[in-house]
Protein backbone atom coordinates (compact mmCIF):
# COMPACT_ATOMS: atom_id res chain seq x y z
CA MET A 1 17.93 7.11 -115.74
CA LYS A 2 21.53 8.19 -115.21
CA SER A 3 22.62 4.61 -114.46
CA TYR A 4 21.50 3.37 -117.89
CA SER A 5 23.54 3.90 -121.04
CA ASN A 6 21.78 4.54 -124.34
CA GLY A 7 22.67 1.02 -125.41
CA GLN A 8 21.14 -0.49 -122.26
CA LEU A 9 17.98 1.53 -122.78
CA PHE A 10 17.80 0.27 -126.35
CA LEU A 11 17.98 -3.34 -125.14
CA LEU A 12 15.17 -2.68 -122.67
CA VAL A 13 12.96 -1.10 -125.35
CA VAL A 14 13.39 -4.12 -127.64
CA GLU A 15 12.79 -6.63 -124.85
CA MET A 16 9.84 -4.82 -123.24
CA GLY A 17 8.20 -3.63 -126.44
CA SER A 18 7.59 0.06 -125.75
CA PHE A 19 9.08 3.24 -124.30
CA LYS A 20 6.23 3.41 -121.79
CA ALA A 21 6.94 -0.08 -120.45
CA VAL A 22 10.62 0.76 -120.01
CA ALA A 23 9.78 4.04 -118.29
CA GLU A 24 7.52 2.26 -115.82
CA HIS A 25 10.20 -0.37 -115.23
CA ILE A 26 13.03 2.05 -114.44
CA GLY A 27 11.00 4.98 -113.11
CA GLY A 28 11.74 7.37 -115.96
CA ASP A 29 9.88 9.43 -118.55
CA PRO A 30 8.97 7.90 -121.95
CA SER A 31 9.87 11.08 -123.82
CA ILE A 32 13.36 11.13 -122.30
CA ILE A 33 13.90 7.49 -123.23
CA SER A 34 12.72 8.24 -126.78
CA ARG A 35 15.23 11.11 -127.05
CA ARG A 36 18.03 8.88 -125.74
CA ILE A 37 17.26 6.26 -128.41
CA ALA A 38 17.08 9.01 -131.06
CA SER A 39 20.53 10.15 -129.95
CA LEU A 40 21.82 6.60 -130.36
CA GLU A 41 20.26 6.39 -133.84
CA GLN A 42 21.89 9.69 -134.77
CA LYS A 43 25.26 8.40 -133.60
CA LEU A 44 24.89 5.20 -135.66
CA THR A 45 23.31 7.08 -138.59
CA THR A 46 20.56 4.49 -138.92
CA LYS A 47 17.03 3.95 -137.63
CA LEU A 48 16.88 1.32 -134.91
CA ILE A 49 13.27 1.48 -133.66
CA GLU A 50 9.94 1.73 -135.48
CA ARG A 51 7.72 3.81 -133.23
CA SER A 52 3.92 3.63 -132.89
CA THR A 53 1.40 4.73 -130.29
CA ARG A 54 1.21 1.27 -128.75
CA SER A 55 4.54 -0.44 -129.34
CA SER A 56 8.11 -0.04 -130.50
CA THR A 57 9.73 -2.72 -132.63
CA PRO A 58 13.31 -2.99 -133.93
CA THR A 59 14.07 -2.37 -137.58
CA HIS A 60 16.25 -4.85 -139.47
CA ALA A 61 19.32 -2.83 -138.48
CA GLY A 62 17.95 -2.58 -134.94
CA GLN A 63 17.59 -6.36 -134.70
CA ILE A 64 21.17 -6.87 -135.83
CA TYR A 65 22.39 -4.27 -133.34
CA TYR A 66 20.28 -5.85 -130.57
CA GLN A 67 21.69 -9.33 -131.13
CA GLY A 68 25.28 -8.11 -131.12
CA LEU A 69 24.86 -5.80 -128.14
CA ARG A 70 22.94 -8.42 -126.15
CA HIS A 71 25.74 -10.92 -126.74
CA ILE A 72 28.43 -8.42 -125.71
CA ILE A 73 26.63 -7.47 -122.49
CA ASP A 74 25.87 -11.09 -121.62
CA GLU A 75 29.50 -12.03 -122.14
CA GLN A 76 30.61 -9.03 -120.09
CA ASN A 77 28.26 -9.93 -117.24
CA ALA A 78 29.38 -13.55 -117.30
CA LEU A 79 33.04 -12.54 -117.27
CA GLU A 80 32.53 -10.09 -114.41
CA GLN A 81 30.80 -12.79 -112.38
CA TYR A 82 33.60 -15.20 -113.16
CA VAL A 83 36.42 -12.97 -111.95
CA SER A 84 34.62 -11.25 -109.09
CA ALA A 85 34.36 -12.37 -105.51
CA HIS A 86 30.75 -13.34 -106.22
CA THR A 87 31.59 -16.00 -108.81
CA GLU A 88 28.96 -18.39 -107.48
CA THR A 89 26.32 -15.76 -106.75
CA PRO A 90 23.59 -15.44 -109.40
CA ILE A 91 22.96 -11.81 -110.32
CA GLY A 92 21.44 -9.93 -113.24
CA ARG A 93 18.62 -11.11 -115.49
CA LEU A 94 17.87 -14.80 -116.06
CA ARG A 95 15.45 -15.63 -118.90
CA VAL A 96 14.25 -19.25 -119.04
CA ALA A 97 12.01 -20.92 -121.62
CA ALA A 98 10.16 -24.15 -120.80
CA PRO A 99 7.17 -26.19 -121.98
CA HIS A 100 4.00 -24.75 -120.46
CA ASP A 101 2.88 -27.48 -118.05
CA PHE A 102 6.37 -28.64 -117.10
CA GLY A 103 7.42 -25.03 -116.56
CA ILE A 104 4.61 -24.36 -114.12
CA ARG A 105 5.12 -27.64 -112.26
CA PHE A 106 8.91 -27.72 -111.98
CA VAL A 107 10.67 -24.62 -113.32
CA MET A 108 8.60 -21.91 -111.64
CA PRO A 109 9.26 -23.14 -108.06
CA VAL A 110 13.02 -23.24 -108.75
CA LEU A 111 13.05 -19.69 -110.12
CA GLU A 112 10.88 -18.43 -107.27
CA ALA A 113 13.26 -19.89 -104.69
CA MET A 114 16.25 -18.38 -106.49
CA THR A 115 14.76 -14.87 -106.36
CA LEU A 116 14.36 -15.28 -102.60
CA ASP A 117 17.91 -16.57 -102.15
CA TYR A 118 19.56 -14.06 -104.50
CA PRO A 119 18.07 -10.54 -104.18
CA GLN A 120 20.15 -9.21 -107.10
CA LEU A 121 18.66 -11.75 -109.49
CA GLU A 122 15.77 -10.89 -111.82
CA VAL A 123 14.03 -13.79 -113.58
CA GLU A 124 11.64 -14.19 -116.51
CA LEU A 125 9.92 -17.48 -117.31
CA VAL A 126 8.67 -17.84 -120.88
CA LEU A 127 6.22 -20.72 -121.27
CA GLY A 128 6.07 -22.49 -124.62
CA SER A 129 8.25 -24.51 -126.98
CA ASP A 130 8.62 -22.24 -130.01
CA PHE A 131 12.14 -21.01 -129.40
CA ALA A 132 14.40 -21.97 -132.27
CA ASP A 133 17.13 -19.34 -131.77
CA LEU A 134 17.96 -18.85 -128.10
CA LYS A 135 20.57 -16.18 -128.79
CA GLU A 136 18.28 -14.10 -130.99
CA GLN A 137 15.42 -14.34 -128.50
CA GLY A 138 17.55 -13.60 -125.45
CA ILE A 139 16.96 -16.97 -123.76
CA ASP A 140 19.61 -17.96 -121.20
CA VAL A 141 18.37 -21.52 -120.67
CA ALA A 142 15.70 -23.50 -122.53
CA ILE A 143 14.20 -26.69 -121.14
CA ARG A 144 13.33 -29.29 -123.76
CA ILE A 145 11.60 -32.68 -123.55
CA GLY A 146 12.36 -35.23 -126.26
CA LEU A 147 15.14 -35.95 -128.73
CA LEU A 148 17.12 -32.90 -129.80
CA PRO A 149 18.14 -31.93 -133.33
CA ASP A 150 21.79 -31.30 -134.05
CA SER A 151 22.73 -27.73 -133.16
CA SER A 152 25.51 -25.53 -131.86
CA LEU A 153 23.80 -25.25 -128.47
CA MET A 154 25.29 -26.72 -125.31
CA CYS A 155 23.20 -29.41 -123.65
CA ARG A 156 22.98 -30.58 -120.03
CA LYS A 157 20.80 -33.58 -119.25
CA ILE A 158 18.37 -33.04 -116.38
CA GLY A 159 16.87 -36.52 -116.38
CA ASP A 160 14.30 -38.66 -118.14
CA VAL A 161 10.53 -38.23 -118.34
CA SER A 162 8.93 -41.61 -117.73
CA ARG A 163 5.55 -42.14 -119.36
CA VAL A 164 2.42 -44.00 -118.35
CA LEU A 165 -0.73 -45.07 -120.20
CA VAL A 166 -3.82 -44.02 -118.25
CA ALA A 167 -7.61 -44.00 -118.43
CA ALA A 168 -10.47 -43.13 -116.09
CA PRO A 169 -12.48 -45.92 -114.42
CA SER A 170 -15.57 -44.64 -116.25
CA TYR A 171 -13.84 -45.09 -119.61
CA VAL A 172 -12.68 -48.60 -118.73
CA GLN A 173 -16.16 -49.54 -117.56
CA GLU A 174 -17.64 -48.40 -120.87
CA LYS A 175 -14.92 -49.51 -123.32
CA GLY A 176 -13.24 -52.37 -121.50
CA LEU A 177 -9.73 -52.89 -120.10
CA PRO A 178 -7.10 -53.82 -122.70
CA THR A 179 -4.73 -56.57 -121.59
CA THR A 180 -2.54 -56.78 -124.72
CA PHE A 181 -0.96 -54.10 -126.86
CA SER A 182 -2.93 -55.17 -129.97
CA GLU A 183 -6.20 -54.28 -128.22
CA LEU A 184 -5.21 -50.61 -128.15
CA LYS A 185 -6.33 -50.21 -131.77
CA ASN A 186 -9.93 -50.57 -130.55
CA HIS A 187 -9.66 -47.66 -128.09
CA HIS A 188 -10.00 -43.90 -128.28
CA PHE A 189 -7.01 -41.72 -127.38
CA ILE A 190 -6.57 -38.09 -126.37
CA LEU A 191 -3.52 -36.96 -128.35
CA TYR A 192 -0.83 -34.42 -127.56
CA ARG A 193 -0.21 -32.14 -130.54
CA ASN A 194 3.59 -31.81 -130.31
CA SER A 195 4.26 -35.52 -129.91
CA ILE A 196 6.15 -36.93 -132.92
CA ASN A 197 4.69 -40.42 -132.41
CA ALA A 198 1.24 -39.24 -131.36
CA LYS A 199 -0.57 -41.86 -133.47
CA ASN A 200 1.88 -44.72 -133.14
CA LEU A 201 2.76 -46.06 -129.69
CA GLN A 202 5.91 -48.01 -128.93
CA LEU A 203 5.84 -50.51 -126.08
CA MET A 204 8.43 -52.86 -124.62
CA LYS A 205 8.06 -56.14 -122.73
CA ASN A 206 10.82 -58.61 -121.85
CA GLY A 207 13.20 -56.75 -124.12
CA GLN A 208 10.89 -57.00 -127.13
CA VAL A 209 9.63 -53.81 -128.83
CA PHE A 210 6.07 -53.53 -130.11
CA SER A 211 4.52 -50.78 -132.19
CA GLN A 212 0.81 -50.12 -132.24
CA PRO A 213 -1.13 -47.54 -134.28
CA ILE A 214 -3.75 -45.65 -132.27
CA SER A 215 -6.48 -43.18 -133.15
CA GLY A 216 -8.21 -40.22 -131.58
CA THR A 217 -10.35 -37.27 -132.57
CA PHE A 218 -9.25 -34.87 -129.81
CA THR A 219 -5.77 -33.30 -130.01
CA VAL A 220 -4.54 -30.75 -127.44
CA ASN A 221 -1.22 -28.98 -126.80
CA SER A 222 -1.68 -28.82 -123.02
CA VAL A 223 -0.91 -31.64 -120.58
CA GLU A 224 -3.33 -30.17 -118.02
CA ALA A 225 -6.15 -30.01 -120.58
CA ILE A 226 -5.48 -33.64 -121.54
CA HIS A 227 -5.46 -34.53 -117.85
CA GLN A 228 -8.96 -33.13 -117.43
CA LEU A 229 -10.24 -34.88 -120.57
CA VAL A 230 -8.86 -38.23 -119.39
CA LEU A 231 -10.41 -37.75 -115.93
CA SER A 232 -13.78 -37.12 -117.55
CA GLY A 233 -13.58 -40.45 -119.40
CA ARG A 234 -13.07 -39.10 -122.92
CA GLY A 235 -10.23 -41.47 -123.75
CA MET A 236 -6.82 -42.92 -122.91
CA HIS A 237 -3.55 -41.05 -122.96
CA LEU A 238 0.15 -41.87 -122.87
CA GLY A 239 1.80 -39.01 -121.01
CA PRO A 240 4.38 -38.04 -118.38
CA ARG A 241 3.99 -39.97 -115.15
CA TRP A 242 4.44 -36.81 -113.08
CA ALA A 243 1.23 -35.37 -114.52
CA PHE A 244 -0.91 -38.36 -113.49
CA ALA A 245 0.86 -39.78 -110.41
CA ASP A 246 -1.46 -38.17 -107.84
CA ASP A 247 -4.66 -39.41 -109.52
CA LEU A 248 -3.18 -42.86 -110.05
CA GLY A 249 -2.39 -43.02 -106.35
CA ALA A 250 -5.88 -41.81 -105.42
CA GLY A 251 -7.61 -44.28 -107.73
CA ASN A 252 -9.05 -41.57 -109.97
CA LEU A 253 -7.13 -43.06 -112.91
CA ILE A 254 -6.10 -46.58 -113.90
CA GLU A 255 -2.70 -47.53 -115.30
CA ILE A 256 -3.23 -49.43 -118.55
CA LEU A 257 -0.91 -52.32 -119.49
CA PRO A 258 1.31 -51.96 -116.40
CA ASP A 259 3.36 -55.01 -117.47
CA TYR A 260 4.59 -53.10 -120.53
CA GLU A 261 7.18 -50.32 -120.59
CA PHE A 262 6.92 -47.17 -122.66
CA PRO A 263 10.11 -45.42 -123.82
CA SER A 264 10.93 -42.41 -121.68
CA SER A 265 11.77 -38.98 -123.12
CA PRO A 266 15.06 -37.20 -122.33
CA LEU A 267 14.83 -33.93 -120.44
CA ASN A 268 17.56 -31.41 -121.25
CA ALA A 269 18.65 -27.87 -120.48
CA LEU A 270 19.98 -26.01 -123.53
CA TYR A 271 22.05 -22.85 -123.56
CA VAL A 272 24.24 -20.89 -125.94
CA SER A 273 27.91 -21.85 -125.83
CA ARG A 274 29.95 -19.24 -123.96
CA ASN A 275 33.44 -18.99 -122.58
CA TYR A 276 31.99 -18.28 -119.14
CA LEU A 277 28.69 -19.86 -118.09
CA PRO A 278 27.03 -17.30 -115.78
CA ALA A 279 26.41 -18.38 -112.21
CA LYS A 280 22.69 -17.63 -112.67
CA SER A 281 22.43 -20.28 -115.42
CA LYS A 282 24.67 -22.79 -113.68
CA VAL A 283 22.81 -22.58 -110.35
CA PHE A 284 19.41 -22.78 -112.07
CA ILE A 285 20.35 -25.91 -114.03
CA GLU A 286 21.78 -27.63 -110.94
CA ARG A 287 18.74 -26.78 -108.82
CA LEU A 288 16.29 -27.92 -111.47
CA LYS A 289 18.15 -31.20 -111.91
CA THR A 290 18.15 -31.88 -108.18
CA GLN A 291 14.49 -30.98 -107.71
CA TYR A 292 13.30 -32.93 -110.74
CA GLN A 293 15.20 -36.07 -109.81
CA ASP A 294 13.91 -35.89 -106.21
CA ASN A 295 10.34 -35.57 -107.48
CA ASN A 296 10.88 -38.31 -110.05
CA GLU A 297 11.85 -40.74 -107.30
CA GLN A 298 8.60 -39.91 -105.50
CA PHE A 299 6.59 -40.57 -108.66
CA LYS A 300 8.29 -43.94 -109.12
CA GLY A 301 7.51 -44.78 -105.50
CA ARG A 302 3.84 -44.09 -106.02
């Protein structure tokens, strides 16, 4: 307890959601933490935390204070890493957001290896895509697939996500194998919810671009769930090659229209612009880029 300032305890309460969770995390007593926060509120003459029996949430003033204090501490940590002898050694807390299936497949192994290589590093992986304000939500690095809107965030390209049109042999046996793009309108698709062009496929052949409307009655926001539906013969799907490469190689799935190309999606790492990019973020981005590109070459080989 003595090693934590009142401000640091406040940050932990906001990020962990309750005094009890913070107490368990640092080995303290919830009542002492509550008194420390009350002391901070008294000093600032404003209420920072709304308390309940189950959770503690920041007030409007508390949210403003959290954002400012989080930024100051992050900048301080980054500066200290920059000027210390451990400039290239990731330390502190690294919070990464990534799409669910991609995060499990690619991001989680990178973070796990980093915790083994850097004992002073603490990581948190947040799976999902609903992170509009990285600074407000305390995200150090967010992984995004697809075109990015204009923003003040810094962007580092990791690679491209190549896509493949697949179906199960059972589906092809029942519905037939399309040999031209126009035949796709007669087939049933499993759709991914967050895809902008979910119901309109773009294809390329010999430099010519084709666009074909498609239809489907099953929409899911999970690549793994779609994978299982396609394997069971429920329909076709245009998705990331990495998700289907193993089953394509094993013959459990068939690549549809292999003579056509489907536009790939850019894969980027986003982070808030800072004067000093912390070593934890820099090392993570470099490792993810290397690992993804190595795996991508294997997928292309298959």
